[in-house]
Amino acid sequence: MKRISVKMVRKDLLDIPEYSLPTGFRIRLFEKGDEHHWAKVEASVDEFKNEEAALEHFNKEFGPYIDEMSTRCIFIENKNGEVIGTTTGWYGGLNGDGEISGRIHWVGVAPEYQGKKLSKPLLSAAMNILADRHSKAYLTSQTTSYQAINMYLNYGFEPFITGPSCYEAWSLLENILNRKILM
Protein backbone atom coordinates (compact mmCIF):
# COMPACT_ATOMS: atom_id res chain seq x y z
CA MET A 1 0.00 0.00 0.00
CA LYS A 2 1.18 3.50 -0.79
CA ARG A 3 2.30 5.36 2.35
CA ILE A 4 0.57 8.74 2.64
CA SER A 5 0.53 10.83 5.82
CA VAL A 6 -2.85 11.66 7.35
CA LYS A 7 -4.14 13.76 10.21
CA MET A 8 -7.20 13.00 12.30
CA VAL A 9 -9.09 15.10 14.81
CA ARG A 10 -11.53 14.40 17.62
CA LYS A 11 -13.64 17.49 18.23
CA ASP A 12 -14.22 16.77 21.91
CA LEU A 13 -12.87 14.49 24.58
CA LEU A 14 -16.20 13.37 26.01
CA ASP A 15 -17.39 9.76 26.18
CA ILE A 16 -13.99 8.15 25.72
CA PRO A 17 -14.35 4.39 25.18
CA GLU A 18 -12.93 2.36 28.07
CA TYR A 19 -11.17 -0.98 27.73
CA SER A 20 -9.46 -3.04 30.39
CA LEU A 21 -6.08 -4.62 29.90
CA PRO A 22 -5.94 -8.39 29.63
CA THR A 23 -4.72 -10.25 32.73
CA GLY A 24 -0.97 -10.08 33.20
CA PHE A 25 -0.48 -6.54 31.89
CA ARG A 26 -0.44 -3.16 33.58
CA ILE A 27 -0.27 0.49 32.58
CA ARG A 28 2.13 2.84 34.31
CA LEU A 29 3.41 6.37 33.82
CA PHE A 30 6.84 7.39 32.54
CA GLU A 31 9.68 7.74 35.04
CA LYS A 32 13.06 9.34 34.38
CA GLY A 33 15.22 6.73 32.69
CA ASP A 34 12.32 5.24 30.74
CA GLU A 35 13.44 6.94 27.57
CA HIS A 36 15.35 3.74 26.74
CA HIS A 37 12.12 1.72 27.03
CA TRP A 38 10.35 4.21 24.76
CA ALA A 39 13.17 3.94 22.20
CA LYS A 40 13.10 0.14 22.28
CA VAL A 41 9.35 -0.03 21.61
CA GLU A 42 9.38 2.62 18.88
CA ALA A 43 12.35 0.99 17.13
CA SER A 44 10.61 -2.40 17.32
CA VAL A 45 7.66 -1.03 15.31
CA ASP A 46 10.00 0.41 12.66
CA GLU A 47 9.44 4.05 13.49
CA PHE A 48 13.24 4.38 13.66
CA LYS A 49 16.09 2.41 12.10
CA ASN A 50 17.39 1.43 15.56
CA GLU A 51 17.11 2.20 19.26
CA GLU A 52 19.91 4.77 19.13
CA ALA A 53 18.05 6.80 16.48
CA ALA A 54 14.84 6.53 18.52
CA LEU A 55 16.60 7.68 21.67
CA GLU A 56 18.16 10.61 19.81
CA HIS A 57 14.69 11.63 18.60
CA PHE A 58 13.22 11.21 22.09
CA ASN A 59 15.90 13.49 23.58
CA LYS A 60 15.32 16.13 20.92
CA GLU A 61 11.51 16.09 21.12
CA PHE A 62 10.85 15.34 24.79
CA GLY A 63 14.17 15.98 26.56
CA PRO A 64 13.35 19.63 27.34
CA TYR A 65 9.98 18.52 28.76
CA ILE A 66 11.09 15.41 30.65
CA ASP A 67 9.12 16.38 33.78
CA GLU A 68 5.90 16.59 31.74
CA MET A 69 6.50 13.08 30.43
CA SER A 70 5.84 11.71 33.94
CA THR A 71 2.20 12.83 33.62
CA ARG A 72 1.67 12.35 29.87
CA CYS A 73 3.61 9.29 28.67
CA ILE A 74 2.34 5.83 29.52
CA PHE A 75 3.69 2.33 29.16
CA ILE A 76 2.22 -1.13 29.14
CA GLU A 77 4.25 -3.74 30.99
CA ASN A 78 3.91 -7.49 30.75
CA LYS A 79 3.75 -9.78 33.81
CA ASN A 80 7.57 -9.69 34.02
CA GLY A 81 7.64 -5.89 34.20
CA GLU A 82 9.01 -5.57 30.65
CA VAL A 83 7.78 -2.49 28.74
CA ILE A 84 6.01 -3.69 25.60
CA GLY A 85 3.91 -0.67 24.58
CA THR A 86 3.78 3.10 24.86
CA THR A 87 1.99 6.24 23.82
CA THR A 88 1.94 9.84 24.94
CA GLY A 89 -0.97 12.18 25.57
CA TRP A 90 1.00 15.17 24.28
CA TYR A 91 -0.02 18.50 22.74
CA GLY A 92 0.59 20.68 19.74
CA GLY A 93 -0.96 22.93 17.16
CA LEU A 94 -3.11 21.18 14.62
CA ASN A 95 -3.39 23.79 11.91
CA GLY A 96 -0.90 26.53 12.71
CA ASP A 97 -3.42 28.95 14.24
CA GLY A 98 -1.68 28.94 17.62
CA GLU A 99 -4.42 26.93 19.36
CA ILE A 100 -3.05 24.08 21.46
CA SER A 101 -4.81 20.73 21.15
CA GLY A 102 -4.17 17.40 22.80
CA ARG A 103 -2.21 14.98 20.65
CA ILE A 104 -2.08 11.21 20.65
CA HIS A 105 1.60 10.78 19.93
CA TRP A 106 3.89 7.83 19.23
CA VAL A 107 1.57 4.88 19.73
CA GLY A 108 3.49 1.61 19.66
CA VAL A 109 3.09 -1.98 20.80
CA ALA A 110 6.00 -4.40 20.31
CA PRO A 111 5.25 -6.72 17.36
CA GLU A 112 5.18 -9.89 19.45
CA TYR A 113 2.39 -8.36 21.57
CA GLN A 114 0.26 -6.97 18.74
CA GLY A 115 -3.16 -8.56 18.44
CA LYS A 116 -3.38 -9.19 22.21
CA LYS A 117 -5.99 -6.47 22.89
CA LEU A 118 -3.51 -3.94 24.28
CA SER A 119 -3.93 -0.98 21.90
CA LYS A 120 -7.44 0.01 22.96
CA PRO A 121 -6.64 0.19 26.70
CA LEU A 122 -3.46 2.11 25.84
CA LEU A 123 -5.37 4.60 23.67
CA SER A 124 -8.12 5.00 26.27
CA ALA A 125 -5.56 5.79 28.98
CA ALA A 126 -3.84 8.40 26.78
CA MET A 127 -7.14 10.00 25.82
CA ASN A 128 -8.11 10.28 29.49
CA ILE A 129 -4.83 12.08 30.13
CA LEU A 130 -5.71 14.48 27.32
CA ALA A 131 -9.27 14.97 28.57
CA ASP A 132 -7.89 16.34 31.86
CA ARG A 133 -5.96 19.05 30.00
CA HIS A 134 -7.56 19.68 26.59
CA SER A 135 -10.96 19.99 24.94
CA LYS A 136 -10.06 18.26 21.65
CA ALA A 137 -7.35 16.05 20.23
CA TYR A 138 -5.57 15.16 17.04
CA LEU A 139 -3.07 12.62 15.78
CA THR A 140 -0.98 11.94 12.76
CA SER A 141 -0.56 8.58 11.08
CA GLN A 142 -0.09 7.07 7.63
CA THR A 143 -2.11 4.88 5.32
CA THR A 144 0.13 1.88 6.00
CA SER A 145 -1.10 1.93 9.61
CA TYR A 146 -4.65 1.24 8.46
CA GLN A 147 -5.49 -1.06 11.39
CA ALA A 148 -4.61 1.71 13.85
CA ILE A 149 -6.57 4.21 11.75
CA ASN A 150 -9.59 1.93 11.92
CA MET A 151 -9.29 1.96 15.73
CA TYR A 152 -8.96 5.76 15.76
CA LEU A 153 -12.09 6.06 13.63
CA ASN A 154 -13.92 3.85 16.13
CA TYR A 155 -12.73 6.20 18.90
CA GLY A 156 -14.38 9.19 17.21
CA PHE A 157 -11.41 10.62 15.33
CA GLU A 158 -12.27 12.00 11.89
CA PRO A 159 -10.15 12.83 8.84
CA PHE A 160 -8.60 16.29 8.88
CA ILE A 161 -8.29 17.35 5.25
CA THR A 162 -5.29 19.56 4.57
CA GLY A 163 -4.80 19.15 0.83
CA PRO A 164 -5.39 17.06 -2.32
CA SER A 165 -3.25 14.11 -1.18
CA CYS A 166 -5.67 13.62 1.71
CA TYR A 167 -8.41 12.50 -0.66
CA GLU A 168 -6.16 9.87 -2.17
CA ALA A 169 -5.16 8.66 1.29
CA TRP A 170 -8.71 8.39 2.57
CA SER A 171 -9.88 6.70 -0.62
CA LEU A 172 -7.19 4.05 -0.14
CA LEU A 173 -8.23 3.65 3.48
CA GLU A 174 -11.92 3.34 2.59
CA ASN A 175 -11.04 0.53 0.18
CA ILE A 176 -8.78 -1.44 2.50
CA LEU A 177 -11.02 -0.98 5.56
CA ASN A 178 -14.20 -1.54 3.56
CA ARG A 179 -15.96 1.36 5.24
CA LYS A 180 -17.16 4.80 4.21
CA ILE A 181 -15.00 7.42 5.90
CA LEU A 182 -15.35 10.66 3.93
CA MET A 183 -18.89 11.94 3.76
C-alpha atoms as a PDB file:
ATOM      1  CA  MET A   1       0.000   0.000   0.000  1.00  0.00           C
ATOM      2  CA  LYS A   2       1.181   3.498  -0.787  1.00  0.00           C
ATOM      3  CA  ARG A   3       2.301   5.355   2.354  1.00  0.00           C
ATOM      4  CA  ILE A   4       0.570   8.740   2.643  1.00  0.00           C
ATOM      5  CA  SER A   5       0.528  10.827   5.822  1.00  0.00           C
ATOM      6  CA  VAL A   6      -2.853  11.659   7.352  1.00  0.00           C
ATOM      7  CA  LYS A   7      -4.137  13.760  10.210  1.00  0.00           C
ATOM      8  CA  MET A   8      -7.195  12.999  12.299  1.00  0.00           C
ATOM      9  CA  VAL A   9      -9.092  15.104  14.808  1.00  0.00           C
ATOM     10  CA  ARG A  10     -11.528  14.395  17.622  1.00  0.00           C
ATOM     11  CA  LYS A  11     -13.635  17.490  18.226  1.00  0.00           C
ATOM     12  CA  ASP A  12     -14.224  16.766  21.910  1.00  0.00           C
ATOM     13  CA  LEU A  13     -12.870  14.488  24.585  1.00  0.00           C
ATOM     14  CA  LEU A  14     -16.196  13.369  26.010  1.00  0.00           C
ATOM     15  CA  ASP A  15     -17.386   9.764  26.178  1.00  0.00           C
ATOM     16  CA  ILE A  16     -13.989   8.152  25.722  1.00  0.00           C
ATOM     17  CA  PRO A  17     -14.350   4.392  25.185  1.00  0.00           C
ATOM     18  CA  GLU A  18     -12.926   2.365  28.070  1.00  0.00           C
ATOM     19  CA  TYR A  19     -11.171  -0.975  27.726  1.00  0.00           C
ATOM     20  CA  SER A  20      -9.455  -3.040  30.395  1.00  0.00           C
ATOM     21  CA  LEU A  21      -6.077  -4.620  29.898  1.00  0.00           C
ATOM     22  CA  PRO A  22      -5.940  -8.390  29.627  1.00  0.00           C
ATOM     23  CA  THR A  23      -4.723 -10.249  32.727  1.00  0.00           C
ATOM     24  CA  GLY A  24      -0.967 -10.080  33.200  1.00  0.00           C
ATOM     25  CA  PHE A  25      -0.475  -6.544  31.887  1.00  0.00           C
ATOM     26  CA  ARG A  26      -0.444  -3.157  33.576  1.00  0.00           C
ATOM     27  CA  ILE A  27      -0.273   0.485  32.578  1.00  0.00           C
ATOM     28  CA  ARG A  28       2.128   2.839  34.306  1.00  0.00           C
ATOM     29  CA  LEU A  29       3.412   6.366  33.819  1.00  0.00           C
ATOM     30  CA  PHE A  30       6.838   7.388  32.543  1.00  0.00           C
ATOM     31  CA  GLU A  31       9.679   7.738  35.040  1.00  0.00           C
ATOM     32  CA  LYS A  32      13.061   9.337  34.380  1.00  0.00           C
ATOM     33  CA  GLY A  33      15.223   6.733  32.692  1.00  0.00           C
ATOM     34  CA  ASP A  34      12.315   5.235  30.743  1.00  0.00           C
ATOM     35  CA  GLU A  35      13.441   6.944  27.569  1.00  0.00           C
ATOM     36  CA  HIS A  36      15.348   3.737  26.740  1.00  0.00           C
ATOM     37  CA  HIS A  37      12.117   1.718  27.029  1.00  0.00           C
ATOM     38  CA  TRP A  38      10.355   4.212  24.756  1.00  0.00           C
ATOM     39  CA  ALA A  39      13.166   3.944  22.204  1.00  0.00           C
ATOM     40  CA  LYS A  40      13.102   0.140  22.283  1.00  0.00           C
ATOM     41  CA  VAL A  41       9.353  -0.028  21.612  1.00  0.00           C
ATOM     42  CA  GLU A  42       9.381   2.624  18.880  1.00  0.00           C
ATOM     43  CA  ALA A  43      12.354   0.994  17.128  1.00  0.00           C
ATOM     44  CA  SER A  44      10.611  -2.402  17.323  1.00  0.00           C
ATOM     45  CA  VAL A  45       7.661  -1.035  15.313  1.00  0.00           C
ATOM     46  CA  ASP A  46      10.003   0.407  12.661  1.00  0.00           C
ATOM     47  CA  GLU A  47       9.441   4.051  13.493  1.00  0.00           C
ATOM     48  CA  PHE A  48      13.238   4.379  13.656  1.00  0.00           C
ATOM     49  CA  LYS A  49      16.091   2.409  12.101  1.00  0.00           C
ATOM     50  CA  ASN A  50      17.386   1.426  15.559  1.00  0.00           C
ATOM     51  CA  GLU A  51      17.106   2.204  19.264  1.00  0.00           C
ATOM     52  CA  GLU A  52      19.908   4.775  19.130  1.00  0.00           C
ATOM     53  CA  ALA A  53      18.049   6.801  16.484  1.00  0.00           C
ATOM     54  CA  ALA A  54      14.844   6.530  18.516  1.00  0.00           C
ATOM     55  CA  LEU A  55      16.600   7.685  21.673  1.00  0.00           C
ATOM     56  CA  GLU A  56      18.158  10.609  19.811  1.00  0.00           C
ATOM     57  CA  HIS A  57      14.694  11.630  18.604  1.00  0.00           C
ATOM     58  CA  PHE A  58      13.221  11.214  22.088  1.00  0.00           C
ATOM     59  CA  ASN A  59      15.896  13.487  23.577  1.00  0.00           C
ATOM     60  CA  LYS A  60      15.319  16.126  20.921  1.00  0.00           C
ATOM     61  CA  GLU A  61      11.505  16.091  21.120  1.00  0.00           C
ATOM     62  CA  PHE A  62      10.850  15.338  24.786  1.00  0.00           C
ATOM     63  CA  GLY A  63      14.168  15.985  26.556  1.00  0.00           C
ATOM     64  CA  PRO A  64      13.354  19.635  27.342  1.00  0.00           C
ATOM     65  CA  TYR A  65       9.978  18.518  28.758  1.00  0.00           C
ATOM     66  CA  ILE A  66      11.086  15.412  30.646  1.00  0.00           C
ATOM     67  CA  ASP A  67       9.122  16.377  33.781  1.00  0.00           C
ATOM     68  CA  GLU A  68       5.904  16.586  31.736  1.00  0.00           C
ATOM     69  CA  MET A  69       6.496  13.077  30.434  1.00  0.00           C
ATOM     70  CA  SER A  70       5.835  11.709  33.935  1.00  0.00           C
ATOM     71  CA  THR A  71       2.202  12.829  33.621  1.00  0.00           C
ATOM     72  CA  ARG A  72       1.672  12.349  29.872  1.00  0.00           C
ATOM     73  CA  CYS A  73       3.611   9.292  28.668  1.00  0.00           C
ATOM     74  CA  ILE A  74       2.342   5.833  29.520  1.00  0.00           C
ATOM     75  CA  PHE A  75       3.689   2.332  29.161  1.00  0.00           C
ATOM     76  CA  ILE A  76       2.219  -1.125  29.145  1.00  0.00           C
ATOM     77  CA  GLU A  77       4.254  -3.736  30.987  1.00  0.00           C
ATOM     78  CA  ASN A  78       3.905  -7.494  30.751  1.00  0.00           C
ATOM     79  CA  LYS A  79       3.747  -9.782  33.806  1.00  0.00           C
ATOM     80  CA  ASN A  80       7.573  -9.694  34.021  1.00  0.00           C
ATOM     81  CA  GLY A  81       7.638  -5.893  34.195  1.00  0.00           C
ATOM     82  CA  GLU A  82       9.007  -5.572  30.654  1.00  0.00           C
ATOM     83  CA  VAL A  83       7.775  -2.490  28.741  1.00  0.00           C
ATOM     84  CA  ILE A  84       6.009  -3.686  25.605  1.00  0.00           C
ATOM     85  CA  GLY A  85       3.913  -0.666  24.575  1.00  0.00           C
ATOM     86  CA  THR A  86       3.783   3.096  24.862  1.00  0.00           C
ATOM     87  CA  THR A  87       1.988   6.240  23.821  1.00  0.00           C
ATOM     88  CA  THR A  88       1.936   9.836  24.941  1.00  0.00           C
ATOM     89  CA  GLY A  89      -0.973  12.178  25.573  1.00  0.00           C
ATOM     90  CA  TRP A  90       0.999  15.174  24.281  1.00  0.00           C
ATOM     91  CA  TYR A  91      -0.024  18.496  22.743  1.00  0.00           C
ATOM     92  CA  GLY A  92       0.590  20.681  19.742  1.00  0.00           C
ATOM     93  CA  GLY A  93      -0.961  22.934  17.159  1.00  0.00           C
ATOM     94  CA  LEU A  94      -3.113  21.179  14.622  1.00  0.00           C
ATOM     95  CA  ASN A  95      -3.387  23.789  11.905  1.00  0.00           C
ATOM     96  CA  GLY A  96      -0.905  26.531  12.710  1.00  0.00           C
ATOM     97  CA  ASP A  97      -3.423  28.953  14.239  1.00  0.00           C
ATOM     98  CA  GLY A  98      -1.680  28.942  17.618  1.00  0.00           C
ATOM     99  CA  GLU A  99      -4.422  26.931  19.357  1.00  0.00           C
ATOM    100  CA  ILE A 100      -3.054  24.084  21.456  1.00  0.00           C
ATOM    101  CA  SER A 101      -4.813  20.727  21.154  1.00  0.00           C
ATOM    102  CA  GLY A 102      -4.175  17.397  22.799  1.00  0.00           C
ATOM    103  CA  ARG A 103      -2.210  14.982  20.651  1.00  0.00           C
ATOM    104  CA  ILE A 104      -2.081  11.207  20.651  1.00  0.00           C
ATOM    105  CA  HIS A 105       1.599  10.781  19.933  1.00  0.00           C
ATOM    106  CA  TRP A 106       3.893   7.827  19.225  1.00  0.00           C
ATOM    107  CA  VAL A 107       1.569   4.881  19.733  1.00  0.00           C
ATOM    108  CA  GLY A 108       3.492   1.614  19.655  1.00  0.00           C
ATOM    109  CA  VAL A 109       3.093  -1.980  20.804  1.00  0.00           C
ATOM    110  CA  ALA A 110       5.996  -4.404  20.312  1.00  0.00           C
ATOM    111  CA  PRO A 111       5.251  -6.722  17.356  1.00  0.00           C
ATOM    112  CA  GLU A 112       5.181  -9.889  19.455  1.00  0.00           C
ATOM    113  CA  TYR A 113       2.388  -8.355  21.573  1.00  0.00           C
ATOM    114  CA  GLN A 114       0.264  -6.971  18.745  1.00  0.00           C
ATOM    115  CA  GLY A 115      -3.159  -8.564  18.443  1.00  0.00           C
ATOM    116  CA  LYS A 116      -3.381  -9.191  22.207  1.00  0.00           C
ATOM    117  CA  LYS A 117      -5.992  -6.473  22.886  1.00  0.00           C
ATOM    118  CA  LEU A 118      -3.513  -3.937  24.277  1.00  0.00           C
ATOM    119  CA  SER A 119      -3.934  -0.982  21.898  1.00  0.00           C
ATOM    120  CA  LYS A 120      -7.440   0.013  22.963  1.00  0.00           C
ATOM    121  CA  PRO A 121      -6.645   0.188  26.703  1.00  0.00           C
ATOM    122  CA  LEU A 122      -3.464   2.111  25.835  1.00  0.00           C
ATOM    123  CA  LEU A 123      -5.366   4.602  23.667  1.00  0.00           C
ATOM    124  CA  SER A 124      -8.124   5.000  26.274  1.00  0.00           C
ATOM    125  CA  ALA A 125      -5.557   5.795  28.976  1.00  0.00           C
ATOM    126  CA  ALA A 126      -3.838   8.398  26.784  1.00  0.00           C
ATOM    127  CA  MET A 127      -7.138   9.998  25.822  1.00  0.00           C
ATOM    128  CA  ASN A 128      -8.110  10.276  29.485  1.00  0.00           C
ATOM    129  CA  ILE A 129      -4.826  12.081  30.129  1.00  0.00           C
ATOM    130  CA  LEU A 130      -5.706  14.480  27.315  1.00  0.00           C
ATOM    131  CA  ALA A 131      -9.272  14.974  28.569  1.00  0.00           C
ATOM    132  CA  ASP A 132      -7.889  16.338  31.855  1.00  0.00           C
ATOM    133  CA  ARG A 133      -5.963  19.049  29.996  1.00  0.00           C
ATOM    134  CA  HIS A 134      -7.559  19.684  26.589  1.00  0.00           C
ATOM    135  CA  SER A 135     -10.961  19.989  24.942  1.00  0.00           C
ATOM    136  CA  LYS A 136     -10.062  18.264  21.650  1.00  0.00           C
ATOM    137  CA  ALA A 137      -7.351  16.052  20.228  1.00  0.00           C
ATOM    138  CA  TYR A 138      -5.569  15.156  17.036  1.00  0.00           C
ATOM    139  CA  LEU A 139      -3.074  12.623  15.782  1.00  0.00           C
ATOM    140  CA  THR A 140      -0.976  11.939  12.757  1.00  0.00           C
ATOM    141  CA  SER A 141      -0.565   8.584  11.077  1.00  0.00           C
ATOM    142  CA  GLN A 142      -0.095   7.065   7.632  1.00  0.00           C
ATOM    143  CA  THR A 143      -2.112   4.879   5.317  1.00  0.00           C
ATOM    144  CA  THR A 144       0.134   1.880   6.002  1.00  0.00           C
ATOM    145  CA  SER A 145      -1.101   1.931   9.612  1.00  0.00           C
ATOM    146  CA  TYR A 146      -4.646   1.240   8.461  1.00  0.00           C
ATOM    147  CA  GLN A 147      -5.492  -1.058  11.393  1.00  0.00           C
ATOM    148  CA  ALA A 148      -4.611   1.709  13.846  1.00  0.00           C
ATOM    149  CA  ILE A 149      -6.568   4.211  11.752  1.00  0.00           C
ATOM    150  CA  ASN A 150      -9.592   1.930  11.923  1.00  0.00           C
ATOM    151  CA  MET A 151      -9.292   1.960  15.729  1.00  0.00           C
ATOM    152  CA  TYR A 152      -8.958   5.760  15.755  1.00  0.00           C
ATOM    153  CA  LEU A 153     -12.092   6.065  13.634  1.00  0.00           C
ATOM    154  CA  ASN A 154     -13.919   3.846  16.132  1.00  0.00           C
ATOM    155  CA  TYR A 155     -12.733   6.200  18.902  1.00  0.00           C
ATOM    156  CA  GLY A 156     -14.380   9.189  17.214  1.00  0.00           C
ATOM    157  CA  PHE A 157     -11.411  10.621  15.325  1.00  0.00           C
ATOM    158  CA  GLU A 158     -12.268  11.996  11.888  1.00  0.00           C
ATOM    159  CA  PRO A 159     -10.146  12.826   8.836  1.00  0.00           C
ATOM    160  CA  PHE A 160      -8.596  16.288   8.880  1.00  0.00           C
ATOM    161  CA  ILE A 161      -8.291  17.348   5.254  1.00  0.00           C
ATOM    162  CA  THR A 162      -5.288  19.559   4.566  1.00  0.00           C
ATOM    163  CA  GLY A 163      -4.803  19.154   0.825  1.00  0.00           C
ATOM    164  CA  PRO A 164      -5.387  17.063  -2.318  1.00  0.00           C
ATOM    165  CA  SER A 165      -3.251  14.107  -1.179  1.00  0.00           C
ATOM    166  CA  CYS A 166      -5.671  13.621   1.711  1.00  0.00           C
ATOM    167  CA  TYR A 167      -8.412  12.496  -0.659  1.00  0.00           C
ATOM    168  CA  GLU A 168      -6.160   9.869  -2.175  1.00  0.00           C
ATOM    169  CA  ALA A 169      -5.155   8.658   1.288  1.00  0.00           C
ATOM    170  CA  TRP A 170      -8.709   8.392   2.572  1.00  0.00           C
ATOM    171  CA  SER A 171      -9.885   6.704  -0.621  1.00  0.00           C
ATOM    172  CA  LEU A 172      -7.187   4.052  -0.145  1.00  0.00           C
ATOM    173  CA  LEU A 173      -8.232   3.647   3.483  1.00  0.00           C
ATOM    174  CA  GLU A 174     -11.917   3.340   2.593  1.00  0.00           C
ATOM    175  CA  ASN A 175     -11.044   0.533   0.185  1.00  0.00           C
ATOM    176  CA  ILE A 176      -8.775  -1.440   2.496  1.00  0.00           C
ATOM    177  CA  LEU A 177     -11.024  -0.982   5.562  1.00  0.00           C
ATOM    178  CA  ASN A 178     -14.197  -1.541   3.556  1.00  0.00           C
ATOM    179  CA  ARG A 179     -15.957   1.364   5.239  1.00  0.00           C
ATOM    180  CA  LYS A 180     -17.163   4.799   4.211  1.00  0.00           C
ATOM    181  CA  ILE A 181     -14.998   7.419   5.895  1.00  0.00           C
ATOM    182  CA  LEU A 182     -15.350  10.660   3.934  1.00  0.00           C
ATOM    183  CA  MET A 183     -18.894  11.944   3.760  1.00  0.00           C
END
